[in-house]
C-alpha atoms as a PDB file:
ATOM      1  CA  MET A   1      -9.579  -5.395 206.871  1.00  0.00           C
ATOM      2  CA  SER A   2     -12.386  -7.923 206.386  1.00  0.00           C
ATOM      3  CA  ASP A   3     -11.189  -8.800 202.884  1.00  0.00           C
ATOM      4  CA  ARG A   4      -7.542  -9.084 203.970  1.00  0.00           C
ATOM      5  CA  PRO A   5      -7.082 -12.317 205.916  1.00  0.00           C
ATOM      6  CA  ILE A   6      -3.680 -12.735 207.559  1.00  0.00           C
ATOM      7  CA  HIS A   7      -3.527 -16.164 209.149  1.00  0.00           C
ATOM      8  CA  GLN A   8      -1.359 -17.378 212.010  1.00  0.00           C
ATOM      9  CA  GLU A   9       0.747 -19.418 209.596  1.00  0.00           C
ATOM     10  CA  ALA A  10       1.661 -16.246 207.711  1.00  0.00           C
ATOM     11  CA  LEU A  11       2.446 -14.264 210.858  1.00  0.00           C
ATOM     12  CA  ALA A  12       4.687 -17.105 212.026  1.00  0.00           C
ATOM     13  CA  ASP A  13       6.885 -16.471 208.975  1.00  0.00           C
ATOM     14  CA  LEU A  14       8.047 -13.293 210.698  1.00  0.00           C
ATOM     15  CA  ALA A  15       9.809 -15.367 213.361  1.00  0.00           C
ATOM     16  CA  ASP A  16      12.378 -16.380 210.744  1.00  0.00           C
ATOM     17  CA  VAL A  17      13.003 -12.858 209.478  1.00  0.00           C
ATOM     18  CA  PRO A  18      16.086 -11.133 210.972  1.00  0.00           C
ATOM     19  CA  ALA A  19      14.350  -7.766 211.178  1.00  0.00           C
ATOM     20  CA  VAL A  20      12.318  -5.747 213.670  1.00  0.00           C
ATOM     21  CA  GLY A  21       8.761  -4.829 212.781  1.00  0.00           C
ATOM     22  CA  ARG A  22       8.315  -1.073 213.123  1.00  0.00           C
ATOM     23  CA  TRP A  23       5.380   1.266 212.656  1.00  0.00           C
ATOM     24  CA  PHE A  24       4.973   4.806 211.421  1.00  0.00           C
ATOM     25  CA  ARG A  25       2.090   7.054 210.484  1.00  0.00           C
ATOM     26  CA  SER A  26       1.329   8.633 207.138  1.00  0.00           C
ATOM     27  CA  GLY A  27      -1.652  10.916 207.517  1.00  0.00           C
ATOM     28  CA  GLY A  28      -4.249   8.774 209.223  1.00  0.00           C
ATOM     29  CA  LEU A  29      -2.702   5.447 208.178  1.00  0.00           C
ATOM     30  CA  ARG A  30      -0.592   3.168 210.355  1.00  0.00           C
ATOM     31  CA  LEU A  31       2.051   1.647 208.130  1.00  0.00           C
ATOM     32  CA  HIS A  32       4.439  -1.205 208.847  1.00  0.00           C
ATOM     33  CA  ALA A  33       8.043  -1.851 207.860  1.00  0.00           C
ATOM     34  CA  LEU A  34      10.707  -4.488 208.469  1.00  0.00           C
ATOM     35  CA  ASP A  35      13.879  -2.823 209.735  1.00  0.00           C
ATOM     36  CA  TYR A  36      17.020  -4.912 209.246  1.00  0.00           C
ATOM     37  CA  GLY A  37      19.202  -2.465 211.156  1.00  0.00           C
ATOM     38  CA  ALA A  38      17.074  -1.646 214.179  1.00  0.00           C
ATOM     39  CA  VAL A  39      18.966  -4.003 216.516  1.00  0.00           C
ATOM     40  CA  GLU A  40      22.333  -2.507 215.561  1.00  0.00           C
ATOM     41  CA  GLN A  41      20.968   0.985 216.022  1.00  0.00           C
ATOM     42  CA  ALA A  42      19.585   0.181 219.473  1.00  0.00           C
ATOM     43  CA  SER A  43      22.874  -1.402 220.578  1.00  0.00           C
ATOM     44  CA  GLY A  44      24.885   1.662 219.632  1.00  0.00           C
ATOM     45  CA  VAL A  45      26.722   0.042 216.731  1.00  0.00           C
ATOM     46  CA  GLN A  46      27.690   2.486 213.986  1.00  0.00           C
ATOM     47  CA  GLU A  47      24.613   2.800 211.816  1.00  0.00           C
ATOM     48  CA  ARG A  48      24.988   2.001 208.128  1.00  0.00           C
ATOM     49  CA  PRO A  49      23.374   4.137 205.425  1.00  0.00           C
ATOM     50  CA  SER A  50      19.662   3.447 205.028  1.00  0.00           C
ATOM     51  CA  VAL A  51      18.014   1.884 201.997  1.00  0.00           C
ATOM     52  CA  LEU A  52      14.223   2.100 201.854  1.00  0.00           C
ATOM     53  CA  ILE A  53      12.946  -0.865 199.837  1.00  0.00           C
ATOM     54  CA  LEU A  54       9.608  -0.382 198.070  1.00  0.00           C
ATOM     55  CA  PRO A  55       8.032  -3.618 196.763  1.00  0.00           C
ATOM     56  CA  GLY A  56       5.693  -4.230 193.853  1.00  0.00           C
ATOM     57  CA  ILE A  57       1.942  -4.249 193.370  1.00  0.00           C
ATOM     58  CA  THR A  58       1.244  -7.593 195.109  1.00  0.00           C
ATOM     59  CA  SER A  59       4.366  -7.928 197.258  1.00  0.00           C
ATOM     60  CA  PRO A  60       4.152  -7.391 201.018  1.00  0.00           C
ATOM     61  CA  ALA A  61       7.399  -6.482 202.761  1.00  0.00           C
ATOM     62  CA  ILE A  62       8.267 -10.049 203.719  1.00  0.00           C
ATOM     63  CA  SER A  63       8.485 -10.991 200.038  1.00  0.00           C
ATOM     64  CA  MET A  64      11.660  -8.876 199.811  1.00  0.00           C
ATOM     65  CA  ASP A  65      13.310 -10.529 202.816  1.00  0.00           C
ATOM     66  CA  PHE A  66      15.716 -12.529 200.655  1.00  0.00           C
ATOM     67  CA  VAL A  67      16.861  -9.284 199.034  1.00  0.00           C
ATOM     68  CA  ALA A  68      17.249  -7.294 202.260  1.00  0.00           C
ATOM     69  CA  ARG A  69      19.289 -10.060 203.931  1.00  0.00           C
ATOM     70  CA  ARG A  70      21.900  -9.846 201.182  1.00  0.00           C
ATOM     71  CA  LEU A  71      22.429  -6.107 201.666  1.00  0.00           C
ATOM     72  CA  THR A  72      22.942  -5.828 205.424  1.00  0.00           C
ATOM     73  CA  ASP A  73      26.743  -5.799 205.170  1.00  0.00           C
ATOM     74  CA  LEU A  74      26.504  -2.599 203.101  1.00  0.00           C
ATOM     75  CA  VAL A  75      23.418  -0.760 204.317  1.00  0.00           C
ATOM     76  CA  ARG A  76      20.509  -0.698 206.715  1.00  0.00           C
ATOM     77  CA  PRO A  77      17.644  -2.140 204.651  1.00  0.00           C
ATOM     78  CA  VAL A  78      14.115  -1.160 205.646  1.00  0.00           C
ATOM     79  CA  VAL A  79      11.297  -2.789 203.662  1.00  0.00           C
ATOM     80  CA  VAL A  80       7.873  -1.139 203.656  1.00  0.00           C
ATOM     81  CA  ASP A  81       4.493  -2.833 203.577  1.00  0.00           C
ATOM     82  CA  LEU A  82       2.945  -0.461 201.049  1.00  0.00           C
ATOM     83  CA  ARG A  83      -0.477   0.893 201.992  1.00  0.00           C
ATOM     84  CA  GLY A  84      -3.123  -1.797 201.675  1.00  0.00           C
ATOM     85  CA  ARG A  85      -0.602  -4.653 201.811  1.00  0.00           C
ATOM     86  CA  GLY A  86       0.885  -6.837 204.516  1.00  0.00           C
ATOM     87  CA  LEU A  87       0.325  -5.339 207.965  1.00  0.00           C
ATOM     88  CA  SER A  88      -0.190  -1.753 206.770  1.00  0.00           C
ATOM     89  CA  ASP A  89      -3.564  -0.035 206.840  1.00  0.00           C
ATOM     90  CA  ALA A  90      -5.628   0.365 203.700  1.00  0.00           C
ATOM     91  CA  PRO A  91      -6.929   3.914 203.089  1.00  0.00           C
ATOM     92  CA  ASP A  92     -10.660   4.360 203.586  1.00  0.00           C
ATOM     93  CA  ASP A  93     -10.750   6.735 200.629  1.00  0.00           C
ATOM     94  CA  GLY A  94      -9.079   4.227 198.301  1.00  0.00           C
ATOM     95  CA  ASP A  95      -6.206   6.593 197.513  1.00  0.00           C
ATOM     96  CA  TYR A  96      -3.455   4.591 195.825  1.00  0.00           C
ATOM     97  CA  SER A  97      -2.143   7.444 193.707  1.00  0.00           C
ATOM     98  CA  LEU A  98       1.552   8.066 193.188  1.00  0.00           C
ATOM     99  CA  GLY A  99       1.155  11.173 195.325  1.00  0.00           C
ATOM    100  CA  ALA A 100      -0.188   9.127 198.223  1.00  0.00           C
ATOM    101  CA  TYR A 101       2.572   6.538 197.908  1.00  0.00           C
ATOM    102  CA  THR A 102       5.232   9.250 197.895  1.00  0.00           C
ATOM    103  CA  ASP A 103       3.670  10.803 200.995  1.00  0.00           C
ATOM    104  CA  ASP A 104       4.221   7.412 202.630  1.00  0.00           C
ATOM    105  CA  VAL A 105       7.874   7.374 201.566  1.00  0.00           C
ATOM    106  CA  GLU A 106       8.481  10.740 203.202  1.00  0.00           C
ATOM    107  CA  ALA A 107       6.621   9.592 206.315  1.00  0.00           C
ATOM    108  CA  ALA A 108       8.754   6.431 206.528  1.00  0.00           C
ATOM    109  CA  VAL A 109      12.047   8.295 206.282  1.00  0.00           C
ATOM    110  CA  GLU A 110      10.979  10.791 208.933  1.00  0.00           C
ATOM    111  CA  GLY A 111       8.995   8.471 211.200  1.00  0.00           C
ATOM    112  CA  LEU A 112      11.637   5.745 211.288  1.00  0.00           C
ATOM    113  CA  GLY A 113      14.546   8.184 211.588  1.00  0.00           C
ATOM    114  CA  LEU A 114      16.346   6.861 208.515  1.00  0.00           C
ATOM    115  CA  GLY A 115      18.442   9.941 207.760  1.00  0.00           C
ATOM    116  CA  ARG A 116      20.137  10.025 204.363  1.00  0.00           C
ATOM    117  CA  THR A 117      18.401   7.304 202.389  1.00  0.00           C
ATOM    118  CA  VAL A 118      18.707   5.510 199.085  1.00  0.00           C
ATOM    119  CA  LEU A 119      15.392   4.476 197.528  1.00  0.00           C
ATOM    120  CA  LEU A 120      15.276   0.966 196.046  1.00  0.00           C
ATOM    121  CA  GLY A 121      12.042   0.033 194.325  1.00  0.00           C
ATOM    122  CA  HIS A 122      10.865  -2.884 192.216  1.00  0.00           C
ATOM    123  CA  SER A 123       8.044  -2.501 189.660  1.00  0.00           C
ATOM    124  CA  LEU A 124       5.404  -0.306 191.354  1.00  0.00           C
ATOM    125  CA  GLY A 125       8.049   0.465 193.970  1.00  0.00           C
ATOM    126  CA  ALA A 126      10.361   1.733 191.226  1.00  0.00           C
ATOM    127  CA  ARG A 127       7.686   4.137 190.008  1.00  0.00           C
ATOM    128  CA  ILE A 128       7.161   5.328 193.589  1.00  0.00           C
ATOM    129  CA  ALA A 129      10.911   5.809 194.097  1.00  0.00           C
ATOM    130  CA  ALA A 130      11.171   7.906 190.935  1.00  0.00           C
ATOM    131  CA  ALA A 131       8.172  10.045 191.871  1.00  0.00           C
ATOM    132  CA  ALA A 132       9.516  10.564 195.397  1.00  0.00           C
ATOM    133  CA  ALA A 133      12.967  11.516 194.107  1.00  0.00           C
ATOM    134  CA  ILE A 134      11.640  14.449 192.057  1.00  0.00           C
ATOM    135  CA  ARG A 135       9.482  16.003 194.765  1.00  0.00           C
ATOM    136  CA  PRO A 136      10.432  19.579 195.653  1.00  0.00           C
ATOM    137  CA  GLY A 137      12.822  19.526 198.576  1.00  0.00           C
ATOM    138  CA  ALA A 138      13.614  15.822 198.227  1.00  0.00           C
ATOM    139  CA  ALA A 139      17.147  15.028 199.353  1.00  0.00           C
ATOM    140  CA  TYR A 140      17.593  11.297 198.941  1.00  0.00           C
ATOM    141  CA  ALA A 141      21.106   9.923 198.599  1.00  0.00           C
ATOM    142  CA  GLY A 142      20.151   8.183 195.363  1.00  0.00           C
ATOM    143  CA  SER A 143      17.708   5.786 193.770  1.00  0.00           C
ATOM    144  CA  ILE A 144      17.745   2.315 192.235  1.00  0.00           C
ATOM    145  CA  LEU A 145      14.754   1.517 190.054  1.00  0.00           C
ATOM    146  CA  VAL A 146      14.235  -2.133 189.176  1.00  0.00           C
ATOM    147  CA  ASP A 147      12.032  -2.798 186.138  1.00  0.00           C
ATOM    148  CA  PRO A 148       9.599   0.131 186.470  1.00  0.00           C
ATOM    149  CA  PRO A 149       6.370  -0.254 184.472  1.00  0.00           C
ATOM    150  CA  MET A 150       6.695   1.729 181.254  1.00  0.00           C
ATOM    151  CA  SER A 151       3.075   1.381 180.206  1.00  0.00           C
ATOM    152  CA  GLY A 152       0.834   4.424 180.122  1.00  0.00           C
ATOM    153  CA  PRO A 153      -1.250   6.661 177.867  1.00  0.00           C
ATOM    154  CA  GLY A 154      -0.311   6.159 174.235  1.00  0.00           C
ATOM    155  CA  ARG A 155       1.907   3.199 175.101  1.00  0.00           C
ATOM    156  CA  GLY A 156       1.320  -0.517 175.247  1.00  0.00           C
ATOM    157  CA  PRO A 157      -0.705  -1.963 178.135  1.00  0.00           C
ATOM    158  CA  TYR A 158       0.894  -3.330 181.267  1.00  0.00           C
ATOM    159  CA  PRO A 159       1.773  -6.933 180.308  1.00  0.00           C
ATOM    160  CA  THR A 160       0.068  -8.613 183.291  1.00  0.00           C
ATOM    161  CA  THR A 161      -3.686  -8.120 183.056  1.00  0.00           C
ATOM    162  CA  LEU A 162      -5.813  -7.093 186.001  1.00  0.00           C
ATOM    163  CA  GLU A 163      -7.711 -10.353 185.570  1.00  0.00           C
ATOM    164  CA  ALA A 164      -4.490 -12.334 186.144  1.00  0.00           C
ATOM    165  CA  PHE A 165      -3.792 -10.431 189.351  1.00  0.00           C
ATOM    166  CA  ARG A 166      -7.370 -10.960 190.532  1.00  0.00           C
ATOM    167  CA  LYS A 167      -7.161 -14.690 189.837  1.00  0.00           C
ATOM    168  CA  GLN A 168      -4.038 -15.015 191.963  1.00  0.00           C
ATOM    169  CA  LEU A 169      -5.670 -13.010 194.764  1.00  0.00           C
ATOM    170  CA  GLU A 170      -8.785 -15.198 194.636  1.00  0.00           C
ATOM    171  CA  GLN A 171      -6.628 -18.323 194.915  1.00  0.00           C
ATOM    172  CA  ALA A 172      -4.801 -16.886 197.917  1.00  0.00           C
ATOM    173  CA  ARG A 173      -8.019 -15.992 199.716  1.00  0.00           C
ATOM    174  CA  ARG A 174      -9.583 -19.392 199.279  1.00  0.00           C
ATOM    175  CA  GLY A 175      -6.304 -21.007 200.306  1.00  0.00           C
ATOM    176  CA  THR A 176      -3.410 -21.882 198.015  1.00  0.00           C
ATOM    177  CA  ASP A 177       0.009 -23.497 198.241  1.00  0.00           C
ATOM    178  CA  ALA A 178       3.455 -23.338 196.687  1.00  0.00           C
ATOM    179  CA  GLU A 179       2.550 -25.879 194.008  1.00  0.00           C
ATOM    180  CA  GLU A 180      -0.375 -23.813 192.731  1.00  0.00           C
ATOM    181  CA  VAL A 181       1.693 -20.608 192.907  1.00  0.00           C
ATOM    182  CA  ALA A 182       4.223 -22.318 190.636  1.00  0.00           C
ATOM    183  CA  GLY A 183       1.608 -22.195 187.891  1.00  0.00           C
ATOM    184  CA  PHE A 184       2.231 -18.451 187.711  1.00  0.00           C
ATOM    185  CA  TRP A 185       5.823 -18.328 188.964  1.00  0.00           C
ATOM    186  CA  PRO A 186       7.600 -21.595 188.064  1.00  0.00           C
ATOM    187  CA  ARG A 187      11.128 -20.156 188.413  1.00  0.00           C
ATOM    188  CA  TRP A 188      10.759 -19.062 192.029  1.00  0.00           C
ATOM    189  CA  THR A 189      12.306 -20.972 194.918  1.00  0.00           C
ATOM    190  CA  LEU A 190      10.045 -23.023 197.183  1.00  0.00           C
ATOM    191  CA  ARG A 191      10.376 -20.536 200.048  1.00  0.00           C
ATOM    192  CA  GLU A 192       9.364 -17.577 197.925  1.00  0.00           C
ATOM    193  CA  ARG A 193       6.365 -19.470 196.540  1.00  0.00           C
ATOM    194  CA  GLU A 194       5.335 -20.431 200.078  1.00  0.00           C
ATOM    195  CA  LEU A 195       5.520 -16.815 201.216  1.00  0.00           C
ATOM    196  CA  ARG A 196       3.497 -15.783 198.191  1.00  0.00           C
ATOM    197  CA  ALA A 197       0.855 -18.384 199.027  1.00  0.00           C
ATOM    198  CA  ARG A 198       0.540 -17.199 202.622  1.00  0.00           C
ATOM    199  CA  TRP A 199       0.860 -13.418 202.233  1.00  0.00           C
ATOM    200  CA  LEU A 200      -0.819 -12.457 198.959  1.00  0.00           C
ATOM    201  CA  ALA A 201      -4.233 -12.477 200.663  1.00  0.00           C
ATOM    202  CA  SER A 202      -3.080  -9.527 202.795  1.00  0.00           C
ATOM    203  CA  CYS A 203      -3.325  -7.263 199.737  1.00  0.00           C
ATOM    204  CA  ALA A 204      -6.523  -5.210 199.577  1.00  0.00           C
ATOM    205  CA  SER A 205      -8.424  -5.706 196.335  1.00  0.00           C
ATOM    206  CA  GLU A 206      -8.511  -1.978 195.647  1.00  0.00           C
ATOM    207  CA  SER A 207      -4.754  -1.690 196.181  1.00  0.00           C
ATOM    208  CA  ILE A 208      -4.334  -3.913 193.131  1.00  0.00           C
ATOM    209  CA  ASP A 209      -7.197  -2.520 191.039  1.00  0.00           C
ATOM    210  CA  ALA A 210      -6.315   1.147 191.566  1.00  0.00           C
ATOM    211  CA  THR A 211      -2.585   0.636 191.124  1.00  0.00           C
ATOM    212  CA  HIS A 212      -3.116  -1.328 187.916  1.00  0.00           C
ATOM    213  CA  ARG A 213      -5.247   1.549 186.623  1.00  0.00           C
ATOM    214  CA  GLY A 214      -2.328   3.835 187.418  1.00  0.00           C
ATOM    215  CA  PHE A 215      -0.044   1.687 185.282  1.00  0.00           C
ATOM    216  CA  GLU A 216      -2.329   2.487 182.345  1.00  0.00           C
ATOM    217  CA  THR A 217      -3.051   6.170 183.084  1.00  0.00           C
ATOM    218  CA  GLU A 218       0.270   7.473 184.468  1.00  0.00           C
ATOM    219  CA  ASP A 219       3.393   7.666 182.316  1.00  0.00           C
ATOM    220  CA  PHE A 220       6.749   6.834 183.906  1.00  0.00           C
ATOM    221  CA  PHE A 221       8.473   9.027 181.328  1.00  0.00           C
ATOM    222  CA  ASP A 222       6.619  12.109 182.586  1.00  0.00           C
ATOM    223  CA  TYR A 223       9.025  12.225 185.521  1.00  0.00           C
ATOM    224  CA  TRP A 224      11.908   9.853 184.747  1.00  0.00           C
ATOM    225  CA  ASP A 225      13.923  12.541 182.974  1.00  0.00           C
ATOM    226  CA  SER A 226      13.877  14.655 186.167  1.00  0.00           C
ATOM    227  CA  VAL A 227      15.112  11.921 188.530  1.00  0.00           C
ATOM    228  CA  PRO A 228      18.383  13.284 189.932  1.00  0.00           C
ATOM    229  CA  GLN A 229      21.722  11.542 189.990  1.00  0.00           C
ATOM    230  CA  PRO A 230      22.878   9.156 191.176  1.00  0.00           C
ATOM    231  CA  THR A 231      20.216   6.835 189.848  1.00  0.00           C
ATOM    232  CA  THR A 232      20.419   3.341 188.376  1.00  0.00           C
ATOM    233  CA  LEU A 233      17.746   1.603 186.327  1.00  0.00           C
ATOM    234  CA  VAL A 234      18.033  -2.195 186.533  1.00  0.00           C
ATOM    235  CA  TYR A 235      15.937  -4.273 184.152  1.00  0.00           C
ATOM    236  CA  GLY A 236      15.481  -7.872 183.133  1.00  0.00           C
ATOM    237  CA  ALA A 237      16.881  -8.845 179.746  1.00  0.00           C
ATOM    238  CA  ASP A 238      13.687 -10.807 179.075  1.00  0.00           C
ATOM    239  CA  SER A 239      11.283  -8.382 180.741  1.00  0.00           C
ATOM    240  CA  PRO A 240       8.077  -7.513 178.880  1.00  0.00           C
ATOM    241  CA  VAL A 241       7.732  -4.485 181.170  1.00  0.00           C
ATOM    242  CA  VAL A 242      11.045  -2.851 180.219  1.00  0.00           C
ATOM    243  CA  ASP A 243      11.659  -4.102 176.710  1.00  0.00           C
ATOM    244  CA  ALA A 244      14.529  -3.087 174.429  1.00  0.00           C
ATOM    245  CA  ALA A 245      12.672  -0.035 173.151  1.00  0.00           C
ATOM    246  CA  GLY A 246      11.817   1.041 176.688  1.00  0.00           C
ATOM    247  CA  ALA A 247      15.414   0.664 177.836  1.00  0.00           C
ATOM    248  CA  LYS A 248      16.615   2.709 174.871  1.00  0.00           C
ATOM    249  CA  GLU A 249      14.088   5.470 175.594  1.00  0.00           C
ATOM    250  CA  ALA A 250      15.032   5.466 179.279  1.00  0.00           C
ATOM    251  CA  ALA A 251      18.725   5.853 178.458  1.00  0.00           C
ATOM    252  CA  SER A 252      17.985   8.758 176.122  1.00  0.00           C
ATOM    253  CA  ALA A 253      15.543  10.522 178.455  1.00  0.00           C
ATOM    254  CA  ASN A 254      17.879  10.539 181.460  1.00  0.00           C
ATOM    255  CA  SER A 255      21.411  10.530 180.103  1.00  0.00           C
ATOM    256  CA  GLY A 256      23.025  10.670 183.540  1.00  0.00           C
ATOM    257  CA  ALA A 257      21.406   7.453 184.714  1.00  0.00           C
ATOM    258  CA  ARG A 258      23.158   4.089 184.742  1.00  0.00           C
ATOM    259  CA  LEU A 259      21.234   1.304 183.014  1.00  0.00           C
ATOM    260  CA  VAL A 260      22.038  -2.281 183.960  1.00  0.00           C
ATOM    261  CA  GLU A 261      20.601  -5.328 182.212  1.00  0.00           C
ATOM    262  CA  VAL A 262      20.234  -8.554 184.202  1.00  0.00           C
ATOM    263  CA  VAL A 263      20.494 -11.630 182.008  1.00  0.00           C
ATOM    264  CA  ASN A 264      18.047 -14.537 182.351  1.00  0.00           C
ATOM    265  CA  ALA A 265      15.539 -12.316 184.133  1.00  0.00           C
ATOM    266  CA  GLY A 266      12.022 -11.265 183.282  1.00  0.00           C
ATOM    267  CA  HIS A 267      10.064  -8.609 185.147  1.00  0.00           C
ATOM    268  CA  MET A 268      10.481 -10.364 188.510  1.00  0.00           C
ATOM    269  CA  VAL A 269      14.178  -9.670 188.355  1.00  0.00           C
ATOM    270  CA  PHE A 270      15.166 -10.606 191.919  1.00  0.00           C
ATOM    271  CA  TRP A 271      13.193 -13.839 191.809  1.00  0.00           C
ATOM    272  CA  ASP A 272      14.260 -14.860 188.311  1.00  0.00           C
ATOM    273  CA  ALA A 273      17.984 -14.097 188.620  1.00  0.00           C
ATOM    274  CA  PRO A 274      18.794 -13.272 192.252  1.00  0.00           C
ATOM    275  CA  GLU A 275      22.565 -13.319 191.919  1.00  0.00           C
ATOM    276  CA  GLY A 276      22.619 -11.026 188.894  1.00  0.00           C
ATOM    277  CA  ALA A 277      20.027  -8.680 190.374  1.00  0.00           C
ATOM    278  CA  LEU A 278      21.782  -8.430 193.724  1.00  0.00           C
ATOM    279  CA  THR A 279      25.136  -7.855 192.063  1.00  0.00           C
ATOM    280  CA  ALA A 280      23.618  -4.962 190.100  1.00  0.00           C
ATOM    281  CA  VAL A 281      22.081  -3.447 193.241  1.00  0.00           C
ATOM    282  CA  ARG A 282      25.247  -3.837 195.298  1.00  0.00           C
ATOM    283  CA  GLU A 283      27.326  -2.193 192.582  1.00  0.00           C
ATOM    284  CA  ALA A 284      24.878   0.698 192.455  1.00  0.00           C
ATOM    285  CA  LEU A 285      25.007   1.087 196.243  1.00  0.00           C
ATOM    286  CA  ASN A 286      28.794   1.007 196.256  1.00  0.00           C
ATOM    287  CA  ALA A 287      28.789   3.799 193.672  1.00  0.00           C
ATOM    288  CA  THR A 288      26.325   5.929 195.655  1.00  0.00           C
ATOM    289  CA  PRO A 289      27.748   8.444 198.163  1.00  0.00           C
ATOM    290  CA  THR A 290      25.587   8.330 201.288  1.00  0.00           C
ATOM    291  CA  GLY A 291      27.471  10.622 203.625  1.00  0.00           C
END
């Protein structure tokens, strides 16, 4: 944890989040999640279907707060701090493989008592959701994949270089602010840039390095065609991660999937076009049987 400073100012952000911090174990790791339905569950109110939200490569759970808040009338959102991010442990063995991430998904559903669950992932989280959905014995209610990286062997590189990620992490660890974050993410709201400034430093260096390597060595299309229905792939109209050719290949490879384009959005779909992205997700949830 020595290279993962989480300062009091960042922890204080949790006071404004309408969720309960919960913990579960995956192997030897203690992993953290924000549960937006825990209070209702404890009070005996009829529990809504669960949606497990899996963030991206440098996005602790709190970064998806603005998404989870907008879904609580439909579902019980639970946002995971992926291993090596936020308040979750980093693995001593440096295992950030898709297999390890999907182990964590199964552990979250069981350890948090989520029952029938829809998987909602953005970027890295979308790859994890797809890999989890095809595991033998998996019985998720559905999946929503938002702009999954389509780089891999024999394909173009992931558009954001590892050096760019490392530069942002270095800025966060020396101390940054919303104005400097705007240099990378000028379209984000002030609150989201402030959260980025305070929480990015919680990401372990190896969580970024190893995952980025996975973007180059693992092919999303090796398992996308096996993702069961119902599944929806949401992508940004201006995304360099899911470009027009990638969207066309995705539609052909999994003909039962719904593909939804969000206008005026790049890869950071929720941040670039929140209303369009949330409309797409809500429509997918409404079309997903969870009973």
